[in-house]
């Protein structure tokens, strides 16, 4: 993969992760106490401005995700072998039909000694087991992934 494609993926991931956290550009600026301006972040996301390693690490820390999630390819689905789930978004969702899935995912995170439980990478085999143990139909599983995966499935 060439550098231009990797930069494009990084720009896309910066935006997707911010949106998955429910944050606007201005809110990120406020959360960062001004160290990351809304204008600069928007420029990073559009590719109008180069991002330093320091800023990339600051953004990852602010979003509470490993920097590797910002560097991941934008298409993360079952076909690629994994799905990145926003555990924080799931935990704060009032829909009780997702409670079983949350407990299962938290258990997986605990067993894996996951870095912080905010996001988790689930393999396709994990998705199959989640579907079984949460008693999800195909439609419910697809809705779950649409709502809580950091990237849309193909």
N, C-alpha and C. Protein backbone atom coordinates (compact mmCIF):
# COMPACT_ATOMS: atom_id res chain seq x y z
N UNK A 1 0.85 -1.18 0.00
CA UNK A 1 0.00 0.00 0.00
C UNK A 1 0.89 1.24 0.00
N UNK A 2 0.52 2.21 -0.81
CA UNK A 2 1.36 3.39 -0.90
C UNK A 2 1.02 4.40 0.21
N UNK A 3 1.89 5.35 0.38
CA UNK A 3 1.76 6.33 1.46
C UNK A 3 0.48 7.16 1.30
N UNK A 4 0.15 7.53 0.07
CA UNK A 4 -1.05 8.34 -0.15
C UNK A 4 -2.31 7.61 0.31
N UNK A 5 -2.40 6.32 0.05
CA UNK A 5 -3.55 5.53 0.52
C UNK A 5 -3.59 5.46 2.03
N UNK A 6 -2.43 5.29 2.65
CA UNK A 6 -2.37 5.22 4.10
C UNK A 6 -2.78 6.55 4.73
N UNK A 7 -2.35 7.65 4.15
CA UNK A 7 -2.74 8.97 4.65
C UNK A 7 -4.25 9.18 4.50
N UNK A 8 -4.79 8.74 3.40
CA UNK A 8 -6.23 8.85 3.18
C UNK A 8 -7.00 8.04 4.22
N UNK A 9 -6.50 6.85 4.55
CA UNK A 9 -7.13 6.02 5.58
C UNK A 9 -7.06 6.70 6.94
N UNK A 10 -5.92 7.28 7.25
CA UNK A 10 -5.75 7.98 8.53
C UNK A 10 -6.74 9.14 8.63
N UNK A 11 -6.86 9.91 7.58
CA UNK A 11 -7.79 11.05 7.58
C UNK A 11 -9.22 10.57 7.79
N UNK A 12 -9.59 9.51 7.11
CA UNK A 12 -10.94 8.96 7.24
C UNK A 12 -11.17 8.44 8.65
N UNK A 13 -10.20 7.76 9.21
CA UNK A 13 -10.35 7.20 10.56
C UNK A 13 -10.44 8.30 11.61
N UNK A 14 -9.68 9.37 11.45
CA UNK A 14 -9.77 10.48 12.39
C UNK A 14 -11.21 10.98 12.48
N UNK A 15 -11.84 11.14 11.35
CA UNK A 15 -13.22 11.63 11.31
C UNK A 15 -14.19 10.58 11.86
N UNK A 16 -14.03 9.33 11.44
CA UNK A 16 -14.96 8.28 11.87
C UNK A 16 -14.93 8.08 13.38
N UNK A 17 -13.74 8.08 13.95
CA UNK A 17 -13.64 7.88 15.40
C UNK A 17 -14.24 9.07 16.13
N UNK A 18 -13.96 10.28 15.65
CA UNK A 18 -14.54 11.47 16.30
C UNK A 18 -16.06 11.41 16.26
N UNK A 19 -16.60 11.08 15.11
CA UNK A 19 -18.06 11.00 14.96
C UNK A 19 -18.63 9.88 15.82
N UNK A 20 -17.92 8.74 15.89
CA UNK A 20 -18.41 7.63 16.72
C UNK A 20 -18.45 8.00 18.20
N UNK A 21 -17.63 8.96 18.59
CA UNK A 21 -17.62 9.44 19.97
C UNK A 21 -18.68 10.52 20.18
N UNK A 22 -19.37 10.89 19.10
CA UNK A 22 -20.42 11.90 19.20
C UNK A 22 -19.88 13.30 19.40
N UNK A 23 -18.68 13.57 18.89
CA UNK A 23 -18.03 14.86 19.10
C UNK A 23 -18.00 15.70 17.83
N UNK A 24 -18.21 16.98 18.00
CA UNK A 24 -18.00 17.93 16.91
C UNK A 24 -16.56 18.39 16.95
N UNK A 25 -16.14 19.07 15.90
CA UNK A 25 -14.79 19.62 15.89
C UNK A 25 -14.59 20.59 17.05
N UNK A 26 -15.58 21.41 17.29
CA UNK A 26 -15.49 22.39 18.40
C UNK A 26 -15.40 21.70 19.76
N UNK A 27 -16.16 20.64 19.94
CA UNK A 27 -16.13 19.92 21.21
C UNK A 27 -14.76 19.30 21.47
N UNK A 28 -14.13 18.80 20.40
CA UNK A 28 -12.79 18.24 20.55
C UNK A 28 -11.82 19.33 20.98
N UNK A 29 -11.95 20.49 20.38
CA UNK A 29 -11.08 21.61 20.76
C UNK A 29 -11.25 21.97 22.24
N UNK A 30 -12.49 21.98 22.70
CA UNK A 30 -12.76 22.29 24.11
C UNK A 30 -12.19 21.19 25.02
N UNK A 31 -12.42 19.93 24.65
CA UNK A 31 -11.91 18.81 25.45
C UNK A 31 -10.39 18.82 25.53
N UNK A 32 -9.76 19.26 24.45
CA UNK A 32 -8.29 19.28 24.43
C UNK A 32 -7.72 20.52 25.12
N UNK A 33 -8.61 21.36 25.64
CA UNK A 33 -8.20 22.61 26.29
C UNK A 33 -7.37 23.48 25.35
N UNK A 34 -7.79 23.45 24.08
CA UNK A 34 -7.17 24.31 23.08
C UNK A 34 -5.91 23.78 22.44
N UNK A 35 -5.43 22.60 22.85
CA UNK A 35 -4.20 22.09 22.22
C UNK A 35 -4.46 21.57 20.81
N UNK A 36 -5.71 21.26 20.52
CA UNK A 36 -6.10 20.84 19.17
C UNK A 36 -7.26 21.75 18.76
N UNK A 37 -7.01 22.63 17.83
CA UNK A 37 -8.07 23.55 17.42
C UNK A 37 -9.04 22.85 16.46
N UNK A 38 -10.26 23.35 16.42
CA UNK A 38 -11.27 22.79 15.52
C UNK A 38 -10.80 22.92 14.07
N UNK A 39 -10.19 24.04 13.75
CA UNK A 39 -9.72 24.27 12.38
C UNK A 39 -8.62 23.28 12.01
N UNK A 40 -7.67 23.07 12.93
CA UNK A 40 -6.57 22.13 12.66
C UNK A 40 -7.10 20.71 12.51
N UNK A 41 -7.99 20.29 13.41
CA UNK A 41 -8.52 18.94 13.34
C UNK A 41 -9.28 18.72 12.04
N UNK A 42 -10.10 19.69 11.66
CA UNK A 42 -10.80 19.59 10.38
C UNK A 42 -9.82 19.48 9.22
N UNK A 43 -8.74 20.21 9.30
CA UNK A 43 -7.71 20.15 8.25
C UNK A 43 -7.02 18.79 8.21
N UNK A 44 -6.77 18.20 9.39
CA UNK A 44 -6.19 16.85 9.44
C UNK A 44 -7.15 15.85 8.80
N UNK A 45 -8.44 15.98 9.12
CA UNK A 45 -9.44 15.04 8.61
C UNK A 45 -9.62 15.16 7.10
N UNK A 46 -9.47 16.36 6.56
CA UNK A 46 -9.60 16.57 5.11
C UNK A 46 -8.31 16.31 4.36
N UNK A 47 -7.21 16.26 5.08
CA UNK A 47 -5.91 16.08 4.44
C UNK A 47 -5.31 17.37 3.94
N UNK A 48 -5.83 18.49 4.41
CA UNK A 48 -5.30 19.80 4.02
C UNK A 48 -4.06 20.17 4.82
N UNK A 49 -3.80 19.44 5.87
CA UNK A 49 -2.69 19.76 6.77
C UNK A 49 -2.03 18.46 7.22
N UNK A 50 -0.71 18.48 7.31
CA UNK A 50 0.02 17.31 7.81
C UNK A 50 -0.14 17.22 9.32
N UNK A 51 -0.20 15.99 9.81
CA UNK A 51 -0.34 15.78 11.24
C UNK A 51 0.96 15.20 11.79
N UNK A 52 1.41 15.72 12.91
CA UNK A 52 2.63 15.22 13.53
C UNK A 52 2.30 13.99 14.37
N UNK A 53 3.32 13.23 14.68
CA UNK A 53 3.14 12.06 15.54
C UNK A 53 2.62 12.48 16.92
N UNK A 54 3.10 13.60 17.41
CA UNK A 54 2.66 14.09 18.72
C UNK A 54 1.17 14.39 18.70
N UNK A 55 0.70 15.10 17.66
CA UNK A 55 -0.72 15.42 17.57
C UNK A 55 -1.56 14.15 17.40
N UNK A 56 -1.06 13.20 16.64
CA UNK A 56 -1.78 11.94 16.45
C UNK A 56 -1.94 11.21 17.78
N UNK A 57 -0.88 11.21 18.58
CA UNK A 57 -0.95 10.57 19.89
C UNK A 57 -1.88 11.34 20.83
N UNK A 58 -1.86 12.66 20.76
CA UNK A 58 -2.77 13.48 21.59
C UNK A 58 -4.23 13.19 21.24
N UNK A 59 -4.51 13.10 19.94
CA UNK A 59 -5.88 12.83 19.50
C UNK A 59 -6.32 11.45 19.95
N UNK A 60 -5.46 10.46 19.78
CA UNK A 60 -5.80 9.09 20.22
C UNK A 60 -6.09 9.07 21.71
N UNK A 61 -5.29 9.76 22.49
CA UNK A 61 -5.49 9.81 23.94
C UNK A 61 -6.80 10.53 24.27
N UNK A 62 -7.08 11.60 23.58
CA UNK A 62 -8.32 12.34 23.80
C UNK A 62 -9.55 11.48 23.47
N UNK A 63 -9.46 10.72 22.38
CA UNK A 63 -10.57 9.84 21.98
C UNK A 63 -10.60 8.55 22.78
N UNK A 64 -9.58 8.30 23.56
CA UNK A 64 -9.46 7.09 24.37
C UNK A 64 -9.46 5.83 23.50
N UNK A 65 -8.66 5.88 22.44
CA UNK A 65 -8.46 4.72 21.57
C UNK A 65 -6.97 4.55 21.35
N UNK A 66 -6.53 3.33 21.09
CA UNK A 66 -5.12 3.16 20.77
C UNK A 66 -4.82 3.85 19.43
N UNK A 67 -3.65 4.39 19.29
CA UNK A 67 -3.29 5.08 18.05
C UNK A 67 -3.42 4.14 16.86
N UNK A 68 -3.26 2.84 17.07
CA UNK A 68 -3.39 1.88 15.98
C UNK A 68 -4.79 1.91 15.36
N UNK A 69 -5.81 2.28 16.15
CA UNK A 69 -7.16 2.37 15.60
C UNK A 69 -7.29 3.53 14.63
N UNK A 70 -6.48 4.56 14.81
CA UNK A 70 -6.50 5.68 13.88
C UNK A 70 -5.74 5.35 12.61
N UNK A 71 -4.85 4.38 12.69
CA UNK A 71 -4.04 3.99 11.55
C UNK A 71 -4.64 2.80 10.79
N UNK A 72 -5.74 2.24 11.29
CA UNK A 72 -6.35 1.05 10.69
C UNK A 72 -7.01 1.38 9.37
N UNK A 73 -7.13 0.40 8.50
CA UNK A 73 -7.88 0.61 7.27
C UNK A 73 -9.32 1.01 7.60
N UNK A 74 -9.92 1.79 6.74
CA UNK A 74 -11.26 2.28 7.01
C UNK A 74 -12.33 1.21 6.91
N UNK A 75 -12.11 0.17 6.15
CA UNK A 75 -13.09 -0.90 6.04
C UNK A 75 -12.75 -2.00 7.03
N UNK A 76 -13.52 -2.10 8.09
CA UNK A 76 -13.32 -3.12 9.09
C UNK A 76 -14.61 -3.89 9.22
N UNK A 77 -14.69 -5.01 8.61
CA UNK A 77 -15.91 -5.78 8.68
C UNK A 77 -15.62 -7.25 8.85
N UNK A 78 -16.67 -8.02 8.83
CA UNK A 78 -16.52 -9.46 9.01
C UNK A 78 -15.64 -10.05 7.93
N UNK A 79 -15.75 -9.56 6.71
CA UNK A 79 -14.92 -10.08 5.63
C UNK A 79 -13.44 -9.84 5.88
N UNK A 80 -13.09 -8.76 6.54
CA UNK A 80 -11.68 -8.49 6.82
C UNK A 80 -11.20 -9.24 8.06
N UNK A 81 -12.12 -9.92 8.73
CA UNK A 81 -11.73 -10.72 9.88
C UNK A 81 -11.91 -10.06 11.22
N UNK A 82 -12.34 -8.78 11.25
CA UNK A 82 -12.55 -8.13 12.53
C UNK A 82 -13.50 -6.94 12.39
N UNK A 83 -14.08 -6.61 13.52
CA UNK A 83 -14.96 -5.46 13.62
C UNK A 83 -14.55 -4.72 14.90
N UNK A 84 -14.41 -3.42 14.81
CA UNK A 84 -14.07 -2.62 15.98
C UNK A 84 -15.37 -2.09 16.58
N UNK A 85 -15.64 -2.48 17.83
CA UNK A 85 -16.87 -2.09 18.51
C UNK A 85 -16.57 -0.96 19.49
N UNK A 86 -17.40 0.06 19.47
CA UNK A 86 -17.29 1.17 20.41
C UNK A 86 -18.03 0.76 21.69
N UNK A 87 -17.28 0.21 22.64
CA UNK A 87 -17.86 -0.30 23.88
C UNK A 87 -18.47 0.82 24.71
N UNK A 88 -17.86 1.97 24.70
CA UNK A 88 -18.39 3.11 25.45
C UNK A 88 -19.78 3.51 24.94
N UNK A 89 -19.92 3.58 23.63
CA UNK A 89 -21.22 3.91 23.03
C UNK A 89 -22.26 2.84 23.38
N UNK A 90 -21.85 1.59 23.34
CA UNK A 90 -22.74 0.48 23.68
C UNK A 90 -23.17 0.55 25.14
N UNK A 91 -22.22 0.83 26.03
CA UNK A 91 -22.51 0.89 27.46
C UNK A 91 -23.46 2.03 27.81
N UNK A 92 -23.42 3.10 27.04
CA UNK A 92 -24.26 4.26 27.31
C UNK A 92 -25.57 4.25 26.52
N UNK A 93 -25.84 3.17 25.80
CA UNK A 93 -27.06 3.06 25.03
C UNK A 93 -28.19 2.57 25.92
N UNK A 94 -29.32 3.27 25.94
CA UNK A 94 -30.42 2.89 26.85
C UNK A 94 -31.22 1.66 26.40
N UNK A 95 -30.99 1.17 25.19
CA UNK A 95 -31.75 0.02 24.68
C UNK A 95 -31.33 -1.26 25.40
N UNK A 96 -32.23 -1.80 26.20
CA UNK A 96 -31.92 -2.98 27.02
C UNK A 96 -31.70 -4.23 26.19
N UNK A 97 -32.12 -4.24 24.93
CA UNK A 97 -31.92 -5.42 24.09
C UNK A 97 -30.44 -5.67 23.81
N UNK A 98 -29.60 -4.69 24.11
CA UNK A 98 -28.15 -4.85 23.90
C UNK A 98 -27.40 -5.21 25.18
N UNK A 99 -28.11 -5.36 26.30
CA UNK A 99 -27.46 -5.65 27.57
C UNK A 99 -26.65 -6.95 27.54
N UNK A 100 -27.22 -7.99 26.94
CA UNK A 100 -26.50 -9.27 26.88
C UNK A 100 -25.23 -9.13 26.06
N UNK A 101 -25.32 -8.42 24.93
CA UNK A 101 -24.15 -8.21 24.08
C UNK A 101 -23.07 -7.43 24.84
N UNK A 102 -23.49 -6.42 25.60
CA UNK A 102 -22.53 -5.64 26.38
C UNK A 102 -21.80 -6.51 27.39
N UNK A 103 -22.55 -7.34 28.11
CA UNK A 103 -21.92 -8.22 29.10
C UNK A 103 -20.94 -9.18 28.44
N UNK A 104 -21.30 -9.72 27.29
CA UNK A 104 -20.42 -10.65 26.57
C UNK A 104 -19.15 -9.93 26.13
N UNK A 105 -19.31 -8.75 25.57
CA UNK A 105 -18.15 -7.99 25.09
C UNK A 105 -17.26 -7.55 26.25
N UNK A 106 -17.85 -7.15 27.36
CA UNK A 106 -17.05 -6.79 28.53
C UNK A 106 -16.27 -8.00 29.04
N UNK A 107 -16.88 -9.17 28.98
CA UNK A 107 -16.19 -10.39 29.41
C UNK A 107 -15.02 -10.71 28.48
N UNK A 108 -15.25 -10.55 27.18
CA UNK A 108 -14.16 -10.77 26.21
C UNK A 108 -13.01 -9.80 26.51
N UNK A 109 -13.35 -8.53 26.74
CA UNK A 109 -12.32 -7.53 27.04
C UNK A 109 -11.55 -7.92 28.30
N UNK A 110 -12.27 -8.37 29.31
CA UNK A 110 -11.62 -8.79 30.56
C UNK A 110 -10.69 -9.98 30.33
N UNK A 111 -11.16 -10.97 29.60
CA UNK A 111 -10.34 -12.16 29.34
C UNK A 111 -9.10 -11.83 28.52
N UNK A 112 -9.22 -10.87 27.64
CA UNK A 112 -8.09 -10.47 26.79
C UNK A 112 -7.20 -9.44 27.46
N UNK A 113 -7.57 -9.01 28.67
CA UNK A 113 -6.83 -7.93 29.34
C UNK A 113 -6.77 -6.72 28.41
N UNK A 114 -7.93 -6.40 27.83
CA UNK A 114 -8.03 -5.29 26.88
C UNK A 114 -7.50 -4.02 27.50
N UNK A 115 -6.92 -3.16 26.70
CA UNK A 115 -6.20 -1.99 27.19
C UNK A 115 -7.06 -1.05 28.01
N UNK A 116 -8.34 -0.83 27.65
CA UNK A 116 -9.16 0.03 28.51
C UNK A 116 -10.66 -0.22 28.40
N UNK A 117 -11.06 -1.10 27.52
CA UNK A 117 -12.48 -1.41 27.40
C UNK A 117 -13.31 -0.38 26.67
N UNK A 118 -12.70 0.64 26.08
CA UNK A 118 -13.46 1.66 25.35
C UNK A 118 -13.82 1.20 23.95
N UNK A 119 -12.90 0.52 23.31
CA UNK A 119 -13.14 -0.12 22.02
C UNK A 119 -12.57 -1.52 22.10
N UNK A 120 -13.12 -2.40 21.29
CA UNK A 120 -12.59 -3.76 21.24
C UNK A 120 -12.66 -4.27 19.82
N UNK A 121 -11.66 -5.00 19.44
CA UNK A 121 -11.62 -5.63 18.13
C UNK A 121 -12.17 -7.05 18.27
N UNK A 122 -13.26 -7.30 17.57
CA UNK A 122 -13.85 -8.63 17.58
C UNK A 122 -13.56 -9.34 16.27
N UNK A 123 -13.09 -10.55 16.36
CA UNK A 123 -12.83 -11.37 15.17
C UNK A 123 -14.16 -11.90 14.64
N UNK A 124 -14.15 -12.39 13.41
CA UNK A 124 -15.39 -12.93 12.84
C UNK A 124 -15.93 -14.07 13.69
N UNK A 125 -15.04 -14.86 14.29
CA UNK A 125 -15.50 -15.95 15.16
C UNK A 125 -16.17 -15.39 16.42
N UNK A 126 -15.66 -14.26 16.93
CA UNK A 126 -16.28 -13.61 18.09
C UNK A 126 -17.69 -13.13 17.73
N UNK A 127 -17.83 -12.60 16.53
CA UNK A 127 -19.14 -12.11 16.09
C UNK A 127 -20.14 -13.26 16.03
N UNK A 128 -19.70 -14.40 15.53
CA UNK A 128 -20.58 -15.57 15.48
C UNK A 128 -21.02 -16.01 16.86
N UNK A 129 -20.10 -16.02 17.80
CA UNK A 129 -20.43 -16.40 19.17
C UNK A 129 -21.31 -15.36 19.85
N UNK A 130 -21.01 -14.08 19.59
CA UNK A 130 -21.83 -13.01 20.15
C UNK A 130 -23.28 -13.16 19.68
N UNK A 131 -23.43 -13.46 18.40
CA UNK A 131 -24.78 -13.65 17.84
C UNK A 131 -25.51 -14.78 18.56
N UNK A 132 -24.82 -15.87 18.80
CA UNK A 132 -25.43 -17.03 19.47
C UNK A 132 -25.78 -16.70 20.92
N UNK A 133 -24.80 -16.20 21.68
CA UNK A 133 -25.01 -16.00 23.11
C UNK A 133 -25.91 -14.81 23.45
N UNK A 134 -25.95 -13.81 22.57
CA UNK A 134 -26.87 -12.69 22.78
C UNK A 134 -28.24 -13.00 22.20
N UNK A 135 -28.35 -14.16 21.54
CA UNK A 135 -29.61 -14.61 20.94
C UNK A 135 -30.12 -13.61 19.91
N UNK A 136 -29.19 -13.13 19.05
CA UNK A 136 -29.53 -12.19 18.00
C UNK A 136 -29.91 -12.93 16.72
N UNK A 137 -30.94 -12.45 16.04
CA UNK A 137 -31.24 -12.91 14.69
C UNK A 137 -30.22 -12.27 13.76
N UNK A 138 -30.21 -12.68 12.49
CA UNK A 138 -29.30 -12.06 11.52
C UNK A 138 -29.56 -10.55 11.45
N UNK A 139 -30.83 -10.18 11.42
CA UNK A 139 -31.19 -8.76 11.32
C UNK A 139 -30.75 -8.00 12.57
N UNK A 140 -30.95 -8.59 13.75
CA UNK A 140 -30.53 -7.93 14.99
C UNK A 140 -29.01 -7.78 15.04
N UNK A 141 -28.29 -8.79 14.56
CA UNK A 141 -26.83 -8.73 14.55
C UNK A 141 -26.36 -7.61 13.62
N UNK A 142 -26.97 -7.54 12.44
CA UNK A 142 -26.61 -6.48 11.50
C UNK A 142 -26.91 -5.09 12.07
N UNK A 143 -28.06 -4.94 12.73
CA UNK A 143 -28.41 -3.67 13.36
C UNK A 143 -27.41 -3.32 14.46
N UNK A 144 -27.05 -4.32 15.26
CA UNK A 144 -26.07 -4.12 16.33
C UNK A 144 -24.76 -3.60 15.75
N UNK A 145 -24.28 -4.25 14.70
CA UNK A 145 -23.01 -3.84 14.09
C UNK A 145 -23.13 -2.47 13.44
N UNK A 146 -24.26 -2.18 12.81
CA UNK A 146 -24.47 -0.85 12.23
C UNK A 146 -24.40 0.24 13.30
N UNK A 147 -24.92 -0.06 14.48
CA UNK A 147 -24.98 0.93 15.56
C UNK A 147 -23.68 1.09 16.33
N UNK A 148 -22.91 0.02 16.48
CA UNK A 148 -21.78 0.08 17.41
C UNK A 148 -20.41 -0.18 16.79
N UNK A 149 -20.34 -0.57 15.52
CA UNK A 149 -19.04 -0.72 14.88
C UNK A 149 -18.53 0.66 14.48
N UNK A 150 -17.23 0.87 14.60
CA UNK A 150 -16.66 2.16 14.25
C UNK A 150 -16.68 2.41 12.75
N UNK A 151 -16.85 1.37 11.95
CA UNK A 151 -16.96 1.53 10.50
C UNK A 151 -18.09 0.65 10.02
N UNK A 152 -18.77 1.09 8.98
CA UNK A 152 -19.85 0.31 8.40
C UNK A 152 -19.32 -0.94 7.74
N UNK A 153 -20.08 -2.00 7.82
CA UNK A 153 -19.72 -3.23 7.14
C UNK A 153 -20.07 -3.14 5.67
N UNK A 154 -19.35 -3.91 4.87
CA UNK A 154 -19.67 -3.97 3.43
C UNK A 154 -20.93 -4.73 3.21
